[in-house]
Amino acid sequence: MILSAVCTGAVGGLKAKYLARRGLKVHCLIGMGVQARTLAAAIKEALPSLREIRGLSQGIGGVQGVKEIESLASVNTEFIGMPEKAVDGADVIVTATVADEPIVKEK
């Protein structure tokens, strides 16, 4: 499972490197599991201007996920409990969840 998460994170990092605009500062990460941790690390590597990660999780792993992501990505990481607040003002939004319904509702 760890190898799969690392591979998925690497692909996310490559997408960010080649598709995201330069100078991004705020990353919203929806989901805080193992896959989110490797995604955050890879995206930070691809986007060195990143200064903040906002983590959103519906499960119990959110607080632990924030600590691990902050350690792996070496960037300020904050757990936000409200989806709308987590995405507001984010430069890039990435999902790492198995949710089968929209998490952020259209206004």
PDB file of N, CA and C in Angstrom:
ATOM      1  N   MET A   1       0.822  -1.191   0.000  1.00  0.00           N
ATOM      2  CA  MET A   1       0.000   0.000   0.000  1.00  0.00           C
ATOM      3  C   MET A   1       0.867   1.257   0.000  1.00  0.00           C
ATOM      4  N   ILE A   2       1.988   1.251   0.722  1.00  0.00           N
ATOM      5  CA  ILE A   2       2.861   2.411   0.768  1.00  0.00           C
ATOM      6  C   ILE A   2       3.431   2.705  -0.614  1.00  0.00           C
ATOM      7  N   LEU A   3       3.870   1.683  -1.340  1.00  0.00           N
ATOM      8  CA  LEU A   3       4.423   1.878  -2.674  1.00  0.00           C
ATOM      9  C   LEU A   3       3.383   2.513  -3.590  1.00  0.00           C
ATOM     10  N   SER A   4       2.160   2.057  -3.508  1.00  0.00           N
ATOM     11  CA  SER A   4       1.084   2.630  -4.315  1.00  0.00           C
ATOM     12  C   SER A   4       0.884   4.108  -3.991  1.00  0.00           C
ATOM     13  N   ALA A   5       0.921   4.457  -2.716  1.00  0.00           N
ATOM     14  CA  ALA A   5       0.755   5.857  -2.316  1.00  0.00           C
ATOM     15  C   ALA A   5       1.913   6.712  -2.826  1.00  0.00           C
ATOM     16  N   VAL A   6       3.128   6.193  -2.778  1.00  0.00           N
ATOM     17  CA  VAL A   6       4.293   6.936  -3.268  1.00  0.00           C
ATOM     18  C   VAL A   6       4.166   7.157  -4.776  1.00  0.00           C
ATOM     19  N   CYS A   7       3.767   6.143  -5.506  1.00  0.00           N
ATOM     20  CA  CYS A   7       3.585   6.284  -6.957  1.00  0.00           C
ATOM     21  C   CYS A   7       2.502   7.311  -7.274  1.00  0.00           C
ATOM     22  N   THR A   8       1.391   7.259  -6.554  1.00  0.00           N
ATOM     23  CA  THR A   8       0.308   8.215  -6.763  1.00  0.00           C
ATOM     24  C   THR A   8       0.777   9.628  -6.432  1.00  0.00           C
ATOM     25  N   GLY A   9       1.521   9.772  -5.345  1.00  0.00           N
ATOM     26  CA  GLY A   9       2.058  11.081  -4.983  1.00  0.00           C
ATOM     27  C   GLY A   9       2.987  11.622  -6.049  1.00  0.00           C
ATOM     28  N   ALA A  10       3.826  10.765  -6.594  1.00  0.00           N
ATOM     29  CA  ALA A  10       4.767  11.186  -7.634  1.00  0.00           C
ATOM     30  C   ALA A  10       4.032  11.687  -8.872  1.00  0.00           C
ATOM     31  N   VAL A  11       2.982  10.996  -9.261  1.00  0.00           N
ATOM     32  CA  VAL A  11       2.193  11.417 -10.422  1.00  0.00           C
ATOM     33  C   VAL A  11       1.552  12.777 -10.141  1.00  0.00           C
ATOM     34  N   GLY A  12       1.030  12.969  -8.936  1.00  0.00           N
ATOM     35  CA  GLY A  12       0.460  14.265  -8.567  1.00  0.00           C
ATOM     36  C   GLY A  12       1.493  15.374  -8.610  1.00  0.00           C
ATOM     37  N   GLY A  13       2.706  15.068  -8.170  1.00  0.00           N
ATOM     38  CA  GLY A  13       3.787  16.041  -8.225  1.00  0.00           C
ATOM     39  C   GLY A  13       4.145  16.424  -9.658  1.00  0.00           C
ATOM     40  N   LEU A  14       4.195  15.437 -10.540  1.00  0.00           N
ATOM     41  CA  LEU A  14       4.474  15.721 -11.953  1.00  0.00           C
ATOM     42  C   LEU A  14       3.375  16.574 -12.574  1.00  0.00           C
ATOM     43  N   LYS A  15       2.124  16.257 -12.244  1.00  0.00           N
ATOM     44  CA  LYS A  15       1.017  17.072 -12.764  1.00  0.00           C
ATOM     45  C   LYS A  15       1.155  18.511 -12.291  1.00  0.00           C
ATOM     46  N   ALA A  16       1.454  18.689 -11.023  1.00  0.00           N
ATOM     47  CA  ALA A  16       1.611  20.046 -10.485  1.00  0.00           C
ATOM     48  C   ALA A  16       2.763  20.764 -11.165  1.00  0.00           C
ATOM     49  N   LYS A  17       3.860  20.077 -11.370  1.00  0.00           N
ATOM     50  CA  LYS A  17       5.044  20.688 -11.980  1.00  0.00           C
ATOM     51  C   LYS A  17       4.749  21.216 -13.374  1.00  0.00           C
ATOM     52  N   TYR A  18       4.012  20.447 -14.163  1.00  0.00           N
ATOM     53  CA  TYR A  18       3.803  20.821 -15.555  1.00  0.00           C
ATOM     54  C   TYR A  18       2.478  21.521 -15.834  1.00  0.00           C
ATOM     55  N   LEU A  19       1.512  21.442 -14.932  1.00  0.00           N
ATOM     56  CA  LEU A  19       0.201  22.024 -15.218  1.00  0.00           C
ATOM     57  C   LEU A  19      -0.149  23.238 -14.348  1.00  0.00           C
ATOM     58  N   ALA A  20       0.426  23.338 -13.176  1.00  0.00           N
ATOM     59  CA  ALA A  20       0.083  24.449 -12.274  1.00  0.00           C
ATOM     60  C   ALA A  20       0.870  25.691 -12.662  1.00  0.00           C
ATOM     61  N   ARG A  21       0.260  26.840 -12.429  1.00  0.00           N
ATOM     62  CA  ARG A  21       0.982  28.078 -12.707  1.00  0.00           C
ATOM     63  C   ARG A  21       2.064  28.302 -11.646  1.00  0.00           C
ATOM     64  N   ARG A  22       3.067  29.019 -11.976  1.00  0.00           N
ATOM     65  CA  ARG A  22       4.183  29.276 -11.071  1.00  0.00           C
ATOM     66  C   ARG A  22       3.785  30.282  -9.995  1.00  0.00           C
ATOM     67  N   GLY A  23       4.465  30.206  -8.867  1.00  0.00           N
ATOM     68  CA  GLY A  23       4.253  31.171  -7.796  1.00  0.00           C
ATOM     69  C   GLY A  23       3.110  30.852  -6.850  1.00  0.00           C
ATOM     70  N   LEU A  24       2.567  29.652  -6.925  1.00  0.00           N
ATOM     71  CA  LEU A  24       1.461  29.282  -6.041  1.00  0.00           C
ATOM     72  C   LEU A  24       1.913  29.293  -4.587  1.00  0.00           C
ATOM     73  N   LYS A  25       1.039  29.732  -3.702  1.00  0.00           N
ATOM     74  CA  LYS A  25       1.389  29.816  -2.281  1.00  0.00           C
ATOM     75  C   LYS A  25       0.545  28.897  -1.400  1.00  0.00           C
ATOM     76  N   VAL A  26      -0.756  28.715  -1.741  1.00  0.00           N
ATOM     77  CA  VAL A  26      -1.676  27.987  -0.866  1.00  0.00           C
ATOM     78  C   VAL A  26      -2.239  26.758  -1.572  1.00  0.00           C
ATOM     79  N   HIS A  27      -2.070  25.619  -0.931  1.00  0.00           N
ATOM     80  CA  HIS A  27      -2.523  24.324  -1.454  1.00  0.00           C
ATOM     81  C   HIS A  27      -3.593  23.783  -0.510  1.00  0.00           C
ATOM     82  N   CYS A  28      -4.758  23.463  -1.038  1.00  0.00           N
ATOM     83  CA  CYS A  28      -5.804  22.807  -0.247  1.00  0.00           C
ATOM     84  C   CYS A  28      -5.775  21.324  -0.585  1.00  0.00           C
ATOM     85  N   LEU A  29      -5.670  20.505   0.435  1.00  0.00           N
ATOM     86  CA  LEU A  29      -5.601  19.058   0.271  1.00  0.00           C
ATOM     87  C   LEU A  29      -6.816  18.437   0.933  1.00  0.00           C
ATOM     88  N   ILE A  30      -7.705  17.880   0.134  1.00  0.00           N
ATOM     89  CA  ILE A  30      -8.925  17.264   0.644  1.00  0.00           C
ATOM     90  C   ILE A  30      -8.663  15.782   0.831  1.00  0.00           C
ATOM     91  N   GLY A  31      -8.683  15.352   2.087  1.00  0.00           N
ATOM     92  CA  GLY A  31      -8.321  13.993   2.465  1.00  0.00           C
ATOM     93  C   GLY A  31      -6.960  14.038   3.141  1.00  0.00           C
ATOM     94  N   MET A  32      -6.773  13.284   4.202  1.00  0.00           N
ATOM     95  CA  MET A  32      -5.524  13.372   4.973  1.00  0.00           C
ATOM     96  C   MET A  32      -4.915  11.998   5.246  1.00  0.00           C
ATOM     97  N   GLY A  33      -5.194  11.040   4.380  1.00  0.00           N
ATOM     98  CA  GLY A  33      -4.665   9.692   4.562  1.00  0.00           C
ATOM     99  C   GLY A  33      -3.261   9.535   4.007  1.00  0.00           C
ATOM    100  N   VAL A  34      -2.830   8.299   3.833  1.00  0.00           N
ATOM    101  CA  VAL A  34      -1.475   7.990   3.359  1.00  0.00           C
ATOM    102  C   VAL A  34      -1.224   8.615   1.990  1.00  0.00           C
ATOM    103  N   GLN A  35      -2.170   8.517   1.093  1.00  0.00           N
ATOM    104  CA  GLN A  35      -2.008   9.083  -0.245  1.00  0.00           C
ATOM    105  C   GLN A  35      -1.820  10.594  -0.176  1.00  0.00           C
ATOM    106  N   ALA A  36      -2.552  11.250   0.709  1.00  0.00           N
ATOM    107  CA  ALA A  36      -2.427  12.706   0.853  1.00  0.00           C
ATOM    108  C   ALA A  36      -1.032  13.098   1.306  1.00  0.00           C
ATOM    109  N   ARG A  37      -0.448  12.312   2.157  1.00  0.00           N
ATOM    110  CA  ARG A  37       0.893  12.615   2.664  1.00  0.00           C
ATOM    111  C   ARG A  37       1.924  12.612   1.539  1.00  0.00           C
ATOM    112  N   THR A  38       1.868  11.594   0.682  1.00  0.00           N
ATOM    113  CA  THR A  38       2.834  11.520  -0.411  1.00  0.00           C
ATOM    114  C   THR A  38       2.529  12.566  -1.488  1.00  0.00           C
ATOM    115  N   LEU A  39       1.263  12.864  -1.708  1.00  0.00           N
ATOM    116  CA  LEU A  39       0.897  13.930  -2.640  1.00  0.00           C
ATOM    117  C   LEU A  39       1.452  15.271  -2.176  1.00  0.00           C
ATOM    118  N   ALA A  40       1.275  15.575  -0.899  1.00  0.00           N
ATOM    119  CA  ALA A  40       1.742  16.856  -0.348  1.00  0.00           C
ATOM    120  C   ALA A  40       3.252  16.995  -0.516  1.00  0.00           C
ATOM    121  N   ALA A  41       3.988  15.947  -0.206  1.00  0.00           N
ATOM    122  CA  ALA A  41       5.442  15.997  -0.332  1.00  0.00           C
ATOM    123  C   ALA A  41       5.869  16.203  -1.788  1.00  0.00           C
ATOM    124  N   ALA A  42       5.226  15.505  -2.703  1.00  0.00           N
ATOM    125  CA  ALA A  42       5.580  15.618  -4.122  1.00  0.00           C
ATOM    126  C   ALA A  42       5.184  16.979  -4.684  1.00  0.00           C
ATOM    127  N   ILE A  43       4.047  17.494  -4.288  1.00  0.00           N
ATOM    128  CA  ILE A  43       3.603  18.793  -4.787  1.00  0.00           C
ATOM    129  C   ILE A  43       4.490  19.910  -4.245  1.00  0.00           C
ATOM    130  N   LYS A  44       4.899  19.809  -3.002  1.00  0.00           N
ATOM    131  CA  LYS A  44       5.829  20.808  -2.456  1.00  0.00           C
ATOM    132  C   LYS A  44       7.147  20.778  -3.210  1.00  0.00           C
ATOM    133  N   GLU A  45       7.607  19.607  -3.553  1.00  0.00           N
ATOM    134  CA  GLU A  45       8.853  19.486  -4.329  1.00  0.00           C
ATOM    135  C   GLU A  45       8.689  20.128  -5.706  1.00  0.00           C
ATOM    136  N   ALA A  46       7.518  19.937  -6.318  1.00  0.00           N
ATOM    137  CA  ALA A  46       7.263  20.468  -7.656  1.00  0.00           C
ATOM    138  C   ALA A  46       6.979  21.967  -7.644  1.00  0.00           C
ATOM    139  N   LEU A  47       6.446  22.469  -6.537  1.00  0.00           N
ATOM    140  CA  LEU A  47       6.074  23.884  -6.429  1.00  0.00           C
ATOM    141  C   LEU A  47       6.790  24.504  -5.231  1.00  0.00           C
ATOM    142  N   PRO A  48       8.045  24.843  -5.370  1.00  0.00           N
ATOM    143  CA  PRO A  48       8.820  25.330  -4.228  1.00  0.00           C
ATOM    144  C   PRO A  48       8.303  26.633  -3.622  1.00  0.00           C
ATOM    145  N   SER A  49       7.448  27.364  -4.344  1.00  0.00           N
ATOM    146  CA  SER A  49       6.898  28.611  -3.812  1.00  0.00           C
ATOM    147  C   SER A  49       5.792  28.369  -2.782  1.00  0.00           C
ATOM    148  N   LEU A  50       5.334  27.122  -2.666  1.00  0.00           N
ATOM    149  CA  LEU A  50       4.239  26.780  -1.756  1.00  0.00           C
ATOM    150  C   LEU A  50       4.602  27.128  -0.316  1.00  0.00           C
ATOM    151  N   ARG A  51       3.708  27.824   0.377  1.00  0.00           N
ATOM    152  CA  ARG A  51       3.961  28.268   1.745  1.00  0.00           C
ATOM    153  C   ARG A  51       2.963  27.716   2.758  1.00  0.00           C
ATOM    154  N   GLU A  52       1.830  27.202   2.272  1.00  0.00           N
ATOM    155  CA  GLU A  52       0.790  26.744   3.200  1.00  0.00           C
ATOM    156  C   GLU A  52       0.003  25.596   2.586  1.00  0.00           C
ATOM    157  N   ILE A  53      -0.271  24.593   3.407  1.00  0.00           N
ATOM    158  CA  ILE A  53      -1.177  23.514   3.011  1.00  0.00           C
ATOM    159  C   ILE A  53      -2.341  23.531   3.989  1.00  0.00           C
ATOM    160  N   ARG A  54      -3.539  23.557   3.446  1.00  0.00           N
ATOM    161  CA  ARG A  54      -4.748  23.452   4.263  1.00  0.00           C
ATOM    162  C   ARG A  54      -5.308  22.047   4.077  1.00  0.00           C
ATOM    163  N   GLY A  55      -5.368  21.308   5.151  1.00  0.00           N
ATOM    164  CA  GLY A  55      -5.864  19.942   5.082  1.00  0.00           C
ATOM    165  C   GLY A  55      -7.312  19.854   5.517  1.00  0.00           C
ATOM    166  N   LEU A  56      -8.079  19.068   4.805  1.00  0.00           N
ATOM    167  CA  LEU A  56      -9.487  18.849   5.132  1.00  0.00           C
ATOM    168  C   LEU A  56      -9.729  17.358   5.185  1.00  0.00           C
ATOM    169  N   SER A  57     -10.333  16.894   6.262  1.00  0.00           N
ATOM    170  CA  SER A  57     -10.623  15.467   6.398  1.00  0.00           C
ATOM    171  C   SER A  57     -11.931  15.284   7.135  1.00  0.00           C
ATOM    172  N   GLN A  58     -12.732  14.381   6.652  1.00  0.00           N
ATOM    173  CA  GLN A  58     -13.978  14.040   7.324  1.00  0.00           C
ATOM    174  C   GLN A  58     -13.755  12.948   8.369  1.00  0.00           C
ATOM    175  N   GLY A  59     -12.624  12.273   8.274  1.00  0.00           N
ATOM    176  CA  GLY A  59     -12.320  11.161   9.172  1.00  0.00           C
ATOM    177  C   GLY A  59     -11.483  11.579  10.361  1.00  0.00           C
ATOM    178  N   ILE A  60     -11.032  10.595  11.113  1.00  0.00           N
ATOM    179  CA  ILE A  60     -10.287  10.857  12.339  1.00  0.00           C
ATOM    180  C   ILE A  60      -8.800  11.086  12.097  1.00  0.00           C
ATOM    181  N   GLY A  61      -8.331  10.897  10.877  1.00  0.00           N
ATOM    182  CA  GLY A  61      -6.904  11.014  10.599  1.00  0.00           C
ATOM    183  C   GLY A  61      -6.408  12.421  10.358  1.00  0.00           C
ATOM    184  N   GLY A  62      -7.267  13.412  10.419  1.00  0.00           N
ATOM    185  CA  GLY A  62      -6.901  14.770  10.078  1.00  0.00           C
ATOM    186  C   GLY A  62      -5.772  15.360  10.887  1.00  0.00           C
ATOM    187  N   VAL A  63      -5.859  15.308  12.196  1.00  0.00           N
ATOM    188  CA  VAL A  63      -4.841  15.917  13.048  1.00  0.00           C
ATOM    189  C   VAL A  63      -3.502  15.205  12.882  1.00  0.00           C
ATOM    190  N   GLN A  64      -3.506  13.897  12.894  1.00  0.00           N
ATOM    191  CA  GLN A  64      -2.268  13.140  12.681  1.00  0.00           C
ATOM    192  C   GLN A  64      -1.724  13.397  11.286  1.00  0.00           C
ATOM    193  N   GLY A  65      -2.612  13.476  10.307  1.00  0.00           N
ATOM    194  CA  GLY A  65      -2.199  13.748   8.936  1.00  0.00           C
ATOM    195  C   GLY A  65      -1.484  15.080   8.809  1.00  0.00           C
ATOM    196  N   VAL A  66      -1.985  16.101   9.498  1.00  0.00           N
ATOM    197  CA  VAL A  66      -1.360  17.421   9.457  1.00  0.00           C
ATOM    198  C   VAL A  66       0.076  17.345   9.961  1.00  0.00           C
ATOM    199  N   LYS A  67       0.280  16.664  11.073  1.00  0.00           N
ATOM    200  CA  LYS A  67       1.632  16.545  11.636  1.00  0.00           C
ATOM    201  C   LYS A  67       2.575  15.851  10.660  1.00  0.00           C
ATOM    202  N   GLU A  68       2.107  14.768  10.057  1.00  0.00           N
ATOM    203  CA  GLU A  68       2.958  14.018   9.135  1.00  0.00           C
ATOM    204  C   GLU A  68       3.221  14.793   7.849  1.00  0.00           C
ATOM    205  N   ILE A  69       2.193  15.471   7.342  1.00  0.00           N
ATOM    206  CA  ILE A  69       2.365  16.255   6.119  1.00  0.00           C
ATOM    207  C   ILE A  69       3.324  17.409   6.365  1.00  0.00           C
ATOM    208  N   GLU A  70       3.177  18.071   7.495  1.00  0.00           N
ATOM    209  CA  GLU A  70       4.074  19.181   7.822  1.00  0.00           C
ATOM    210  C   GLU A  70       5.528  18.697   7.879  1.00  0.00           C
ATOM    211  N   SER A  71       5.726  17.522   8.427  1.00  0.00           N
ATOM    212  CA  SER A  71       7.066  16.947   8.522  1.00  0.00           C
ATOM    213  C   SER A  71       7.603  16.550   7.142  1.00  0.00           C
ATOM    214  N   LEU A  72       6.777  15.894   6.337  1.00  0.00           N
ATOM    215  CA  LEU A  72       7.214  15.424   5.017  1.00  0.00           C
ATOM    216  C   LEU A  72       7.434  16.562   4.032  1.00  0.00           C
ATOM    217  N   ALA A  73       6.523  17.526   4.024  1.00  0.00           N
ATOM    218  CA  ALA A  73       6.571  18.583   3.014  1.00  0.00           C
ATOM    219  C   ALA A  73       7.345  19.818   3.473  1.00  0.00           C
ATOM    220  N   SER A  74       7.668  19.881   4.757  1.00  0.00           N
ATOM    221  CA  SER A  74       8.391  21.034   5.309  1.00  0.00           C
ATOM    222  C   SER A  74       7.703  22.355   4.969  1.00  0.00           C
ATOM    223  N   VAL A  75       6.402  22.393   5.195  1.00  0.00           N
ATOM    224  CA  VAL A  75       5.618  23.603   4.940  1.00  0.00           C
ATOM    225  C   VAL A  75       4.528  23.695   6.005  1.00  0.00           C
ATOM    226  N   ASN A  76       4.155  24.921   6.381  1.00  0.00           N
ATOM    227  CA  ASN A  76       3.106  25.132   7.361  1.00  0.00           C
ATOM    228  C   ASN A  76       1.824  24.432   6.909  1.00  0.00           C
ATOM    229  N   THR A  77       1.288  23.572   7.748  1.00  0.00           N
ATOM    230  CA  THR A  77       0.090  22.803   7.416  1.00  0.00           C
ATOM    231  C   THR A  77      -0.938  23.001   8.508  1.00  0.00           C
ATOM    232  N   GLU A  78      -2.164  23.275   8.083  1.00  0.00           N
ATOM    233  CA  GLU A  78      -3.242  23.554   9.026  1.00  0.00           C
ATOM    234  C   GLU A  78      -4.441  22.667   8.717  1.00  0.00           C
ATOM    235  N   PHE A  79      -5.061  22.135   9.760  1.00  0.00           N
ATOM    236  CA  PHE A  79      -6.280  21.347   9.583  1.00  0.00           C
ATOM    237  C   PHE A  79      -7.465  22.303   9.604  1.00  0.00           C
ATOM    238  N   ILE A  80      -8.281  22.261   8.565  1.00  0.00           N
ATOM    239  CA  ILE A  80      -9.480  23.100   8.458  1.00  0.00           C
ATOM    240  C   ILE A  80     -10.671  22.154   8.404  1.00  0.00           C
ATOM    241  N   GLY A  81     -11.647  22.352   9.277  1.00  0.00           N
ATOM    242  CA  GLY A  81     -12.789  21.443   9.349  1.00  0.00           C
ATOM    243  C   GLY A  81     -13.931  21.737   8.392  1.00  0.00           C
ATOM    244  N   MET A  82     -13.958  22.930   7.822  1.00  0.00           N
ATOM    245  CA  MET A  82     -15.045  23.324   6.928  1.00  0.00           C
ATOM    246  C   MET A  82     -14.560  23.341   5.474  1.00  0.00           C
ATOM    247  N   PRO A  83     -15.195  22.576   4.588  1.00  0.00           N
ATOM    248  CA  PRO A  83     -14.737  22.513   3.196  1.00  0.00           C
ATOM    249  C   PRO A  83     -14.641  23.878   2.517  1.00  0.00           C
ATOM    250  N   GLU A  84     -15.657  24.701   2.665  1.00  0.00           N
ATOM    251  CA  GLU A  84     -15.669  25.999   2.003  1.00  0.00           C
ATOM    252  C   GLU A  84     -14.508  26.875   2.478  1.00  0.00           C
ATOM    253  N   LYS A  85     -14.202  26.810   3.767  1.00  0.00           N
ATOM    254  CA  LYS A  85     -13.097  27.598   4.317  1.00  0.00           C
ATOM    255  C   LYS A  85     -11.751  27.052   3.821  1.00  0.00           C
ATOM    256  N   ALA A  86     -11.653  25.750   3.689  1.00  0.00           N
ATOM    257  CA  ALA A  86     -10.399  25.139   3.242  1.00  0.00           C
ATOM    258  C   ALA A  86     -10.050  25.536   1.810  1.00  0.00           C
ATOM    259  N   VAL A  87     -11.035  25.614   0.936  1.00  0.00           N
ATOM    260  CA  VAL A  87     -10.762  25.914  -0.472  1.00  0.00           C
ATOM    261  C   VAL A  87     -10.734  27.408  -0.775  1.00  0.00           C
ATOM    262  N   ASP A  88     -11.309  28.223   0.092  1.00  0.00           N
ATOM    263  CA  ASP A  88     -11.382  29.660  -0.150  1.00  0.00           C
ATOM    264  C   ASP A  88      -9.978  30.269  -0.254  1.00  0.00           C
ATOM    265  N   GLY A  89      -9.667  30.837  -1.385  1.00  0.00           N
ATOM    266  CA  GLY A  89      -8.377  31.477  -1.590  1.00  0.00           C
ATOM    267  C   GLY A  89      -7.234  30.526  -1.909  1.00  0.00           C
ATOM    268  N   ALA A  90      -7.507  29.237  -2.009  1.00  0.00           N
ATOM    269  CA  ALA A  90      -6.448  28.279  -2.351  1.00  0.00           C
ATOM    270  C   ALA A  90      -6.052  28.434  -3.816  1.00  0.00           C
ATOM    271  N   ASP A  91      -4.773  28.327  -4.080  1.00  0.00           N
ATOM    272  CA  ASP A  91      -4.269  28.423  -5.450  1.00  0.00           C
ATOM    273  C   ASP A  91      -4.408  27.095  -6.196  1.00  0.00           C
ATOM    274  N   VAL A  92      -4.315  26.004  -5.463  1.00  0.00           N
ATOM    275  CA  VAL A  92      -4.449  24.673  -6.055  1.00  0.00           C
ATOM    276  C   VAL A  92      -5.199  23.790  -5.063  1.00  0.00           C
ATOM    277  N   ILE A  93      -6.123  22.987  -5.579  1.00  0.00           N
ATOM    278  CA  ILE A  93      -6.925  22.079  -4.747  1.00  0.00           C
ATOM    279  C   ILE A  93      -6.720  20.668  -5.276  1.00  0.00           C
ATOM    280  N   VAL A  94      -6.355  19.766  -4.382  1.00  0.00           N
ATOM    281  CA  VAL A  94      -6.113  18.373  -4.755  1.00  0.00           C
ATOM    282  C   VAL A  94      -6.955  17.482  -3.849  1.00  0.00           C
ATOM    283  N   THR A  95      -7.571  16.470  -4.432  1.00  0.00           N
ATOM    284  CA  THR A  95      -8.346  15.526  -3.631  1.00  0.00           C
ATOM    285  C   THR A  95      -7.606  14.207  -3.507  1.00  0.00           C
ATOM    286  N   ALA A  96      -7.664  13.657  -2.315  1.00  0.00           N
ATOM    287  CA  ALA A  96      -7.087  12.344  -2.024  1.00  0.00           C
ATOM    288  C   ALA A  96      -8.078  11.642  -1.104  1.00  0.00           C
ATOM    289  N   THR A  97      -9.218  11.304  -1.667  1.00  0.00           N
ATOM    290  CA  THR A  97     -10.307  10.770  -0.871  1.00  0.00           C
ATOM    291  C   THR A  97     -11.089   9.732  -1.664  1.00  0.00           C
ATOM    292  N   VAL A  98     -11.798   8.900  -0.953  1.00  0.00           N
ATOM    293  CA  VAL A  98     -12.666   7.909  -1.596  1.00  0.00           C
ATOM    294  C   VAL A  98     -14.129   8.336  -1.521  1.00  0.00           C
ATOM    295  N   ALA A  99     -14.360   9.604  -1.212  1.00  0.00           N
ATOM    296  CA  ALA A  99     -15.729  10.115  -1.084  1.00  0.00           C
ATOM    297  C   ALA A  99     -16.516   9.855  -2.361  1.00  0.00           C
ATOM    298  N   ASP A 100     -17.766   9.460  -2.206  1.00  0.00           N
ATOM    299  CA  ASP A 100     -18.607   9.212  -3.361  1.00  0.00           C
ATOM    300  C   ASP A 100     -19.646  10.323  -3.577  1.00  0.00           C
ATOM    301  N   GLU A 101     -19.524  11.392  -2.796  1.00  0.00           N
ATOM    302  CA  GLU A 101     -20.383  12.558  -2.938  1.00  0.00           C
ATOM    303  C   GLU A 101     -19.493  13.803  -2.905  1.00  0.00           C
ATOM    304  N   PRO A 102     -19.943  14.891  -3.510  1.00  0.00           N
ATOM    305  CA  PRO A 102     -19.148  16.131  -3.473  1.00  0.00           C
ATOM    306  C   PRO A 102     -18.874  16.576  -2.038  1.00  0.00           C
ATOM    307  N   ILE A 103     -17.678  17.021  -1.783  1.00  0.00           N
ATOM    308  CA  ILE A 103     -17.297  17.500  -0.465  1.00  0.00           C
ATOM    309  C   ILE A 103     -17.495  19.005  -0.380  1.00  0.00           C
ATOM    310  N   VAL A 104     -17.152  19.700  -1.433  1.00  0.00           N
ATOM    311  CA  VAL A 104     -17.344  21.142  -1.503  1.00  0.00           C
ATOM    312  C   VAL A 104     -18.576  21.378  -2.369  1.00  0.00           C
ATOM    313  N   LYS A 105     -19.544  22.014  -1.801  1.00  0.00           N
ATOM    314  CA  LYS A 105     -20.809  22.265  -2.502  1.00  0.00           C
ATOM    315  C   LYS A 105     -20.731  23.565  -3.295  1.00  0.00           C
ATOM    316  N   GLU A 106     -21.407  23.567  -4.448  1.00  0.00           N
ATOM    317  CA  GLU A 106     -21.476  24.770  -5.261  1.00  0.00           C
ATOM    318  C   GLU A 106     -22.330  25.810  -4.549  1.00  0.00           C
ATOM    319  N   LYS A 107     -21.891  27.058  -4.631  1.00  0.00           N
ATOM    320  CA  LYS A 107     -22.653  28.140  -3.983  1.00  0.00           C
ATOM    321  C   LYS A 107     -23.857  28.528  -4.795  1.00  0.00           C
TER     322      LYS A 107
END
